[in-house]
Amino acid sequence: MNNGECKLRKQTKQNFIQIPFIQLIHYIEEKAIKNGIEVIFIDEAYTSKTSCVNGDVLEVQTKKSKNNSYKPLANELKGVRAKRGLFKDIVLNKIWNADLNGAVNHIKIAFNSCFKWLEKFLFKLCNPIKLKSANDFLLFNSRCSQVL
């Protein structure tokens, strides 16, 4: 943000003026609450390293919090980053988008949900749909639960 003390041109300011990260988070939280959106802060540790289908990210995080020197093995995480943008599940020997894998693990932590049903929808991991809100997710989750 420009505090008025910076004597740079507008185009230069766009490149050099930075917003402190914590201030940005507080600003987003403030706007979300003002618009009736619930903000949930989660621990992101191991969310992109743990398989969203076979791994239990909450279990890995719990072990890490109890023992600070704990380093999970690949077989505990049940997967590895195959290459940029791809995650490989070593149990199923399947590859899917790494960002999607991390996002599902974030949802697992935030909503404390079980995703065992996801094994039946592995084809969806390769062809994801966009959910724009927590309400969209809850509706989708209830529809999938009814199918099972």
N, C-alpha and C. Protein backbone atom coordinates (compact mmCIF):
# COMPACT_ATOMS: atom_id res chain seq x y z
N MET A 1 0.85 -1.18 0.00
CA MET A 1 0.00 0.00 0.00
C MET A 1 0.89 1.24 0.00
N ASN A 2 0.39 2.30 -0.57
CA ASN A 2 1.14 3.54 -0.61
C ASN A 2 0.74 4.39 0.58
N ASN A 3 1.72 4.72 1.41
CA ASN A 3 1.43 5.54 2.58
C ASN A 3 1.59 7.02 2.28
N GLY A 4 1.81 7.38 1.02
CA GLY A 4 1.95 8.77 0.63
C GLY A 4 3.37 9.28 0.67
N GLU A 5 4.27 8.55 1.30
CA GLU A 5 5.65 8.99 1.42
C GLU A 5 6.49 8.57 0.22
N CYS A 6 5.99 7.71 -0.59
CA CYS A 6 6.73 7.18 -1.72
C CYS A 6 6.57 8.11 -2.92
N LYS A 7 7.68 8.60 -3.47
CA LYS A 7 7.65 9.55 -4.59
C LYS A 7 7.98 8.84 -5.90
N LEU A 8 7.30 7.75 -6.19
CA LEU A 8 7.52 7.01 -7.42
C LEU A 8 6.31 7.15 -8.33
N ARG A 9 6.54 6.94 -9.63
CA ARG A 9 5.42 6.97 -10.57
C ARG A 9 4.50 5.78 -10.31
N LYS A 10 3.27 5.88 -10.78
CA LYS A 10 2.27 4.84 -10.55
C LYS A 10 2.75 3.48 -11.06
N GLN A 11 3.32 3.45 -12.26
CA GLN A 11 3.78 2.19 -12.85
C GLN A 11 4.91 1.58 -12.02
N THR A 12 5.80 2.40 -11.51
CA THR A 12 6.92 1.92 -10.69
C THR A 12 6.41 1.43 -9.34
N LYS A 13 5.43 2.13 -8.78
CA LYS A 13 4.88 1.73 -7.49
C LYS A 13 4.26 0.34 -7.55
N GLN A 14 3.65 0.01 -8.69
CA GLN A 14 3.03 -1.31 -8.83
C GLN A 14 4.05 -2.42 -8.69
N ASN A 15 5.28 -2.14 -9.02
CA ASN A 15 6.33 -3.15 -8.92
C ASN A 15 7.03 -3.15 -7.57
N PHE A 16 7.11 -1.98 -6.90
CA PHE A 16 7.94 -1.88 -5.71
C PHE A 16 7.19 -1.76 -4.39
N ILE A 17 5.97 -1.30 -4.38
CA ILE A 17 5.24 -1.16 -3.13
C ILE A 17 4.68 -2.52 -2.74
N GLN A 18 5.01 -2.98 -1.54
CA GLN A 18 4.59 -4.30 -1.09
C GLN A 18 3.67 -4.19 0.12
N ILE A 19 2.74 -5.11 0.20
CA ILE A 19 1.85 -5.20 1.35
C ILE A 19 2.41 -6.30 2.25
N PRO A 20 2.63 -6.01 3.53
CA PRO A 20 3.08 -7.07 4.43
C PRO A 20 2.06 -8.21 4.46
N PHE A 21 2.54 -9.45 4.43
CA PHE A 21 1.68 -10.62 4.30
C PHE A 21 0.64 -10.70 5.41
N ILE A 22 1.05 -10.50 6.65
CA ILE A 22 0.11 -10.58 7.79
C ILE A 22 -0.98 -9.52 7.64
N GLN A 23 -0.60 -8.33 7.21
CA GLN A 23 -1.57 -7.26 7.01
C GLN A 23 -2.57 -7.65 5.93
N LEU A 24 -2.10 -8.29 4.87
CA LEU A 24 -2.98 -8.75 3.80
C LEU A 24 -3.97 -9.80 4.33
N ILE A 25 -3.48 -10.75 5.13
CA ILE A 25 -4.34 -11.78 5.71
C ILE A 25 -5.43 -11.15 6.58
N HIS A 26 -5.04 -10.18 7.42
CA HIS A 26 -6.02 -9.50 8.28
C HIS A 26 -7.05 -8.74 7.45
N TYR A 27 -6.60 -8.12 6.37
CA TYR A 27 -7.50 -7.38 5.49
C TYR A 27 -8.51 -8.31 4.83
N ILE A 28 -8.04 -9.45 4.34
CA ILE A 28 -8.95 -10.44 3.73
C ILE A 28 -9.93 -10.98 4.77
N GLU A 29 -9.43 -11.28 5.97
CA GLU A 29 -10.30 -11.78 7.04
C GLU A 29 -11.38 -10.75 7.39
N GLU A 30 -10.98 -9.50 7.50
CA GLU A 30 -11.92 -8.43 7.82
C GLU A 30 -13.02 -8.32 6.76
N LYS A 31 -12.63 -8.36 5.49
CA LYS A 31 -13.60 -8.28 4.39
C LYS A 31 -14.51 -9.51 4.37
N ALA A 32 -13.96 -10.68 4.65
CA ALA A 32 -14.75 -11.91 4.65
C ALA A 32 -15.82 -11.86 5.75
N ILE A 33 -15.41 -11.48 6.95
CA ILE A 33 -16.35 -11.40 8.07
C ILE A 33 -17.44 -10.36 7.79
N LYS A 34 -17.03 -9.25 7.20
CA LYS A 34 -17.98 -8.19 6.85
C LYS A 34 -19.04 -8.70 5.87
N ASN A 35 -18.67 -9.66 5.02
CA ASN A 35 -19.59 -10.22 4.04
C ASN A 35 -20.18 -11.56 4.46
N GLY A 36 -20.03 -11.92 5.74
CA GLY A 36 -20.65 -13.12 6.27
C GLY A 36 -19.96 -14.42 5.88
N ILE A 37 -18.68 -14.35 5.56
CA ILE A 37 -17.93 -15.54 5.17
C ILE A 37 -17.08 -15.99 6.35
N GLU A 38 -17.20 -17.26 6.71
CA GLU A 38 -16.42 -17.79 7.82
C GLU A 38 -14.97 -18.01 7.38
N VAL A 39 -14.03 -17.58 8.21
CA VAL A 39 -12.61 -17.75 7.92
C VAL A 39 -12.07 -18.82 8.86
N ILE A 40 -11.45 -19.85 8.28
CA ILE A 40 -10.88 -20.93 9.07
C ILE A 40 -9.38 -20.99 8.79
N PHE A 41 -8.57 -20.82 9.83
CA PHE A 41 -7.13 -20.93 9.68
C PHE A 41 -6.73 -22.37 9.98
N ILE A 42 -5.89 -22.94 9.12
CA ILE A 42 -5.47 -24.33 9.29
C ILE A 42 -3.96 -24.43 9.26
N ASP A 43 -3.44 -25.53 9.78
CA ASP A 43 -2.02 -25.84 9.69
C ASP A 43 -1.80 -26.53 8.34
N GLU A 44 -0.99 -25.93 7.49
CA GLU A 44 -0.80 -26.46 6.14
C GLU A 44 0.29 -27.52 6.05
N ALA A 45 0.90 -27.87 7.16
CA ALA A 45 2.01 -28.83 7.13
C ALA A 45 1.58 -30.16 6.53
N TYR A 46 2.37 -30.64 5.58
CA TYR A 46 2.20 -31.95 4.93
C TYR A 46 0.96 -32.07 4.06
N THR A 47 0.24 -30.99 3.80
CA THR A 47 -0.97 -31.10 2.99
C THR A 47 -0.66 -31.39 1.53
N SER A 48 0.49 -30.95 1.04
CA SER A 48 0.81 -31.23 -0.36
C SER A 48 1.67 -32.48 -0.52
N LYS A 49 2.14 -33.03 0.60
CA LYS A 49 2.98 -34.22 0.55
C LYS A 49 2.21 -35.51 0.83
N THR A 50 1.04 -35.39 1.45
CA THR A 50 0.26 -36.56 1.85
C THR A 50 -0.83 -36.84 0.82
N SER A 51 -1.03 -38.11 0.50
CA SER A 51 -2.07 -38.48 -0.46
C SER A 51 -3.44 -38.15 0.10
N CYS A 52 -4.26 -37.50 -0.71
CA CYS A 52 -5.61 -37.14 -0.26
C CYS A 52 -6.54 -38.34 -0.26
N VAL A 53 -6.17 -39.42 -0.95
CA VAL A 53 -7.02 -40.61 -1.03
C VAL A 53 -6.66 -41.61 0.06
N ASN A 54 -5.39 -41.95 0.18
CA ASN A 54 -4.96 -42.99 1.11
C ASN A 54 -4.28 -42.48 2.37
N GLY A 55 -3.74 -41.29 2.33
CA GLY A 55 -3.01 -40.77 3.48
C GLY A 55 -3.91 -40.07 4.46
N ASP A 56 -3.45 -39.95 5.70
CA ASP A 56 -4.19 -39.23 6.72
C ASP A 56 -3.34 -38.05 7.18
N VAL A 57 -3.60 -36.88 6.62
CA VAL A 57 -2.80 -35.70 6.91
C VAL A 57 -2.94 -35.29 8.37
N LEU A 58 -4.11 -35.47 8.97
CA LEU A 58 -4.30 -35.12 10.38
C LEU A 58 -3.43 -36.00 11.29
N GLU A 59 -3.32 -37.27 10.96
CA GLU A 59 -2.49 -38.19 11.74
C GLU A 59 -1.02 -37.79 11.66
N VAL A 60 -0.55 -37.44 10.48
CA VAL A 60 0.84 -37.02 10.30
C VAL A 60 1.10 -35.73 11.07
N GLN A 61 0.17 -34.77 11.01
CA GLN A 61 0.33 -33.52 11.74
C GLN A 61 0.34 -33.74 13.25
N THR A 62 -0.49 -34.67 13.74
CA THR A 62 -0.53 -34.97 15.17
C THR A 62 0.79 -35.57 15.63
N LYS A 63 1.34 -36.50 14.85
CA LYS A 63 2.63 -37.09 15.21
C LYS A 63 3.72 -36.03 15.24
N LYS A 64 3.69 -35.11 14.28
CA LYS A 64 4.70 -34.05 14.21
C LYS A 64 4.58 -33.11 15.41
N SER A 65 3.35 -32.79 15.83
CA SER A 65 3.17 -31.88 16.96
C SER A 65 3.62 -32.52 18.28
N LYS A 66 3.50 -33.84 18.39
CA LYS A 66 3.94 -34.54 19.60
C LYS A 66 5.45 -34.69 19.66
N ASN A 67 6.07 -34.90 18.50
CA ASN A 67 7.51 -35.11 18.43
C ASN A 67 8.08 -34.19 17.36
N ASN A 68 8.72 -33.11 17.78
CA ASN A 68 9.18 -32.09 16.85
C ASN A 68 10.24 -32.59 15.87
N SER A 69 10.99 -33.63 16.25
CA SER A 69 12.03 -34.15 15.35
C SER A 69 11.48 -35.23 14.41
N TYR A 70 10.19 -35.48 14.47
CA TYR A 70 9.55 -36.51 13.64
C TYR A 70 9.59 -36.13 12.16
N LYS A 71 10.06 -37.04 11.33
CA LYS A 71 10.08 -36.85 9.87
C LYS A 71 9.31 -38.02 9.26
N PRO A 72 8.14 -37.77 8.67
CA PRO A 72 7.36 -38.87 8.09
C PRO A 72 8.05 -39.46 6.86
N LEU A 73 7.92 -40.77 6.71
CA LEU A 73 8.48 -41.46 5.56
C LEU A 73 7.49 -41.42 4.41
N ALA A 74 7.97 -41.67 3.21
CA ALA A 74 7.11 -41.62 2.02
C ALA A 74 5.96 -42.62 2.12
N ASN A 75 6.20 -43.80 2.74
CA ASN A 75 5.12 -44.78 2.85
C ASN A 75 4.06 -44.34 3.85
N GLU A 76 4.41 -43.47 4.81
CA GLU A 76 3.41 -42.92 5.72
C GLU A 76 2.56 -41.87 5.01
N LEU A 77 3.21 -41.09 4.17
CA LEU A 77 2.51 -40.04 3.43
C LEU A 77 1.71 -40.63 2.27
N LYS A 78 2.05 -41.84 1.89
CA LYS A 78 1.37 -42.60 0.83
C LYS A 78 1.44 -41.93 -0.54
N GLY A 79 2.49 -41.12 -0.75
CA GLY A 79 2.65 -40.50 -2.05
C GLY A 79 3.86 -39.60 -2.11
N VAL A 80 4.19 -39.18 -3.33
CA VAL A 80 5.32 -38.28 -3.57
C VAL A 80 4.95 -37.31 -4.68
N ARG A 81 5.66 -36.18 -4.73
CA ARG A 81 5.51 -35.27 -5.86
C ARG A 81 6.26 -35.88 -7.03
N ALA A 82 5.55 -36.27 -8.07
CA ALA A 82 6.16 -36.91 -9.23
C ALA A 82 7.04 -35.91 -9.98
N LYS A 83 6.48 -34.79 -10.31
CA LYS A 83 7.20 -33.67 -10.91
C LYS A 83 6.34 -32.45 -10.72
N ARG A 84 6.78 -31.33 -11.25
CA ARG A 84 6.06 -30.08 -11.04
C ARG A 84 4.58 -30.21 -11.43
N GLY A 85 3.72 -29.98 -10.44
CA GLY A 85 2.29 -30.00 -10.70
C GLY A 85 1.62 -31.35 -10.63
N LEU A 86 2.39 -32.42 -10.38
CA LEU A 86 1.80 -33.75 -10.33
C LEU A 86 2.15 -34.45 -9.03
N PHE A 87 1.17 -35.19 -8.50
CA PHE A 87 1.34 -35.97 -7.28
C PHE A 87 1.10 -37.43 -7.62
N LYS A 88 1.95 -38.32 -7.11
CA LYS A 88 1.79 -39.75 -7.38
C LYS A 88 1.45 -40.48 -6.08
N ASP A 89 0.31 -41.16 -6.08
CA ASP A 89 -0.09 -42.00 -4.96
C ASP A 89 0.63 -43.33 -5.11
N ILE A 90 1.48 -43.69 -4.12
CA ILE A 90 2.28 -44.91 -4.26
C ILE A 90 1.49 -46.17 -3.94
N VAL A 91 0.34 -46.05 -3.29
CA VAL A 91 -0.50 -47.21 -3.00
C VAL A 91 -1.30 -47.59 -4.24
N LEU A 92 -1.93 -46.61 -4.87
CA LEU A 92 -2.76 -46.86 -6.05
C LEU A 92 -1.98 -46.80 -7.35
N ASN A 93 -0.76 -46.27 -7.29
CA ASN A 93 0.07 -46.06 -8.47
C ASN A 93 -0.67 -45.20 -9.50
N LYS A 94 -1.29 -44.13 -9.02
CA LYS A 94 -2.02 -43.18 -9.86
C LYS A 94 -1.39 -41.80 -9.71
N ILE A 95 -1.53 -40.99 -10.75
CA ILE A 95 -1.00 -39.63 -10.74
C ILE A 95 -2.15 -38.65 -10.95
N TRP A 96 -2.17 -37.55 -10.15
CA TRP A 96 -3.15 -36.50 -10.35
C TRP A 96 -2.53 -35.16 -10.01
N ASN A 97 -3.30 -34.10 -10.18
CA ASN A 97 -2.83 -32.74 -9.98
C ASN A 97 -2.43 -32.52 -8.53
N ALA A 98 -1.23 -31.97 -8.32
CA ALA A 98 -0.71 -31.76 -6.97
C ALA A 98 -1.48 -30.68 -6.22
N ASP A 99 -1.92 -29.63 -6.92
CA ASP A 99 -2.70 -28.57 -6.27
C ASP A 99 -4.04 -29.10 -5.78
N LEU A 100 -4.65 -29.97 -6.57
CA LEU A 100 -5.91 -30.59 -6.18
C LEU A 100 -5.71 -31.46 -4.94
N ASN A 101 -4.62 -32.21 -4.91
CA ASN A 101 -4.29 -33.06 -3.76
C ASN A 101 -4.17 -32.20 -2.50
N GLY A 102 -3.44 -31.09 -2.59
CA GLY A 102 -3.29 -30.20 -1.44
C GLY A 102 -4.60 -29.57 -1.02
N ALA A 103 -5.43 -29.18 -2.00
CA ALA A 103 -6.73 -28.57 -1.69
C ALA A 103 -7.65 -29.53 -0.95
N VAL A 104 -7.67 -30.80 -1.38
CA VAL A 104 -8.50 -31.80 -0.69
C VAL A 104 -8.01 -31.98 0.74
N ASN A 105 -6.70 -32.00 0.94
CA ASN A 105 -6.16 -32.13 2.30
C ASN A 105 -6.48 -30.91 3.15
N HIS A 106 -6.51 -29.72 2.55
CA HIS A 106 -6.91 -28.52 3.29
C HIS A 106 -8.35 -28.66 3.75
N ILE A 107 -9.22 -29.16 2.87
CA ILE A 107 -10.63 -29.35 3.22
C ILE A 107 -10.76 -30.40 4.32
N LYS A 108 -9.96 -31.47 4.25
CA LYS A 108 -9.98 -32.50 5.30
C LYS A 108 -9.69 -31.88 6.66
N ILE A 109 -8.70 -31.00 6.70
CA ILE A 109 -8.31 -30.38 7.97
C ILE A 109 -9.37 -29.39 8.43
N ALA A 110 -9.84 -28.53 7.53
CA ALA A 110 -10.79 -27.48 7.91
C ALA A 110 -12.13 -28.04 8.36
N PHE A 111 -12.63 -29.05 7.66
CA PHE A 111 -13.96 -29.59 7.97
C PHE A 111 -13.90 -30.91 8.72
N ASN A 112 -12.70 -31.41 8.98
CA ASN A 112 -12.49 -32.67 9.69
C ASN A 112 -13.34 -33.79 9.07
N SER A 113 -13.27 -33.87 7.74
CA SER A 113 -14.08 -34.83 6.99
C SER A 113 -13.30 -36.06 6.60
N CYS A 114 -14.00 -37.16 6.44
CA CYS A 114 -13.41 -38.40 5.94
C CYS A 114 -13.67 -38.47 4.44
N PHE A 115 -12.66 -38.82 3.69
CA PHE A 115 -12.77 -38.85 2.24
C PHE A 115 -12.55 -40.24 1.68
N LYS A 116 -12.97 -41.28 2.40
CA LYS A 116 -12.82 -42.65 1.90
C LYS A 116 -13.62 -42.85 0.61
N TRP A 117 -14.73 -42.14 0.47
CA TRP A 117 -15.55 -42.25 -0.73
C TRP A 117 -14.80 -41.78 -1.97
N LEU A 118 -13.74 -40.99 -1.79
CA LEU A 118 -13.00 -40.45 -2.92
C LEU A 118 -12.34 -41.53 -3.76
N GLU A 119 -12.06 -42.69 -3.14
CA GLU A 119 -11.45 -43.80 -3.89
C GLU A 119 -12.34 -44.24 -5.05
N LYS A 120 -13.67 -44.13 -4.88
CA LYS A 120 -14.60 -44.54 -5.93
C LYS A 120 -14.68 -43.51 -7.06
N PHE A 121 -14.15 -42.32 -6.82
CA PHE A 121 -14.22 -41.24 -7.80
C PHE A 121 -12.83 -40.81 -8.27
N LEU A 122 -11.92 -41.77 -8.39
CA LEU A 122 -10.56 -41.43 -8.81
C LEU A 122 -10.52 -40.76 -10.18
N PHE A 123 -11.45 -41.12 -11.05
CA PHE A 123 -11.48 -40.50 -12.38
C PHE A 123 -11.73 -39.01 -12.29
N LYS A 124 -12.37 -38.55 -11.21
CA LYS A 124 -12.63 -37.13 -11.02
C LYS A 124 -11.36 -36.36 -10.67
N LEU A 125 -10.37 -37.05 -10.08
CA LEU A 125 -9.13 -36.36 -9.75
C LEU A 125 -8.41 -35.90 -11.01
N CYS A 126 -8.59 -36.63 -12.09
CA CYS A 126 -7.96 -36.24 -13.36
C CYS A 126 -8.81 -35.22 -14.11
N ASN A 127 -10.08 -35.11 -13.77
CA ASN A 127 -11.01 -34.17 -14.42
C ASN A 127 -11.76 -33.40 -13.35
N PRO A 128 -11.08 -32.51 -12.62
CA PRO A 128 -11.72 -31.85 -11.48
C PRO A 128 -12.79 -30.84 -11.91
N ILE A 129 -13.73 -30.57 -10.99
CA ILE A 129 -14.73 -29.52 -11.20
C ILE A 129 -14.39 -28.38 -10.25
N LYS A 130 -14.84 -27.19 -10.58
CA LYS A 130 -14.52 -26.01 -9.77
C LYS A 130 -15.65 -25.76 -8.77
N LEU A 131 -15.31 -25.70 -7.49
CA LEU A 131 -16.25 -25.34 -6.43
C LEU A 131 -15.83 -23.97 -5.92
N LYS A 132 -16.73 -23.00 -5.99
CA LYS A 132 -16.35 -21.63 -5.70
C LYS A 132 -16.55 -21.21 -4.25
N SER A 133 -17.19 -22.05 -3.44
CA SER A 133 -17.42 -21.66 -2.05
C SER A 133 -17.54 -22.90 -1.18
N ALA A 134 -17.53 -22.67 0.12
CA ALA A 134 -17.72 -23.77 1.07
C ALA A 134 -19.11 -24.37 0.91
N ASN A 135 -20.10 -23.53 0.57
CA ASN A 135 -21.46 -24.04 0.36
C ASN A 135 -21.51 -24.98 -0.84
N ASP A 136 -20.82 -24.61 -1.93
CA ASP A 136 -20.74 -25.50 -3.09
C ASP A 136 -20.13 -26.84 -2.70
N PHE A 137 -19.07 -26.78 -1.88
CA PHE A 137 -18.42 -28.01 -1.44
C PHE A 137 -19.37 -28.87 -0.61
N LEU A 138 -20.08 -28.26 0.33
CA LEU A 138 -20.98 -29.03 1.19
C LEU A 138 -22.11 -29.67 0.37
N LEU A 139 -22.63 -28.95 -0.62
CA LEU A 139 -23.66 -29.52 -1.50
C LEU A 139 -23.10 -30.69 -2.30
N PHE A 140 -21.92 -30.51 -2.85
CA PHE A 140 -21.28 -31.58 -3.63
C PHE A 140 -21.00 -32.79 -2.74
N ASN A 141 -20.50 -32.54 -1.53
CA ASN A 141 -20.17 -33.62 -0.59
C ASN A 141 -21.43 -34.39 -0.21
N SER A 142 -22.55 -33.70 0.01
CA SER A 142 -23.79 -34.39 0.38
C SER A 142 -24.32 -35.22 -0.79
N ARG A 143 -24.19 -34.70 -2.03
CA ARG A 143 -24.62 -35.47 -3.20
C ARG A 143 -23.78 -36.73 -3.37
N CYS A 144 -22.48 -36.61 -3.15
CA CYS A 144 -21.60 -37.78 -3.28
C CYS A 144 -21.90 -38.80 -2.19
N SER A 145 -22.22 -38.34 -0.99
CA SER A 145 -22.55 -39.24 0.11
C SER A 145 -23.84 -40.00 -0.18
N GLN A 146 -24.80 -39.35 -0.85
CA GLN A 146 -26.06 -40.01 -1.19
C GLN A 146 -25.86 -41.08 -2.24
N VAL A 147 -24.89 -40.88 -3.14
CA VAL A 147 -24.60 -41.86 -4.19
C VAL A 147 -24.05 -43.14 -3.57
N LEU A 148 -23.27 -42.98 -2.52
CA LEU A 148 -22.67 -44.14 -1.87
C LEU A 148 -23.73 -44.87 -1.11
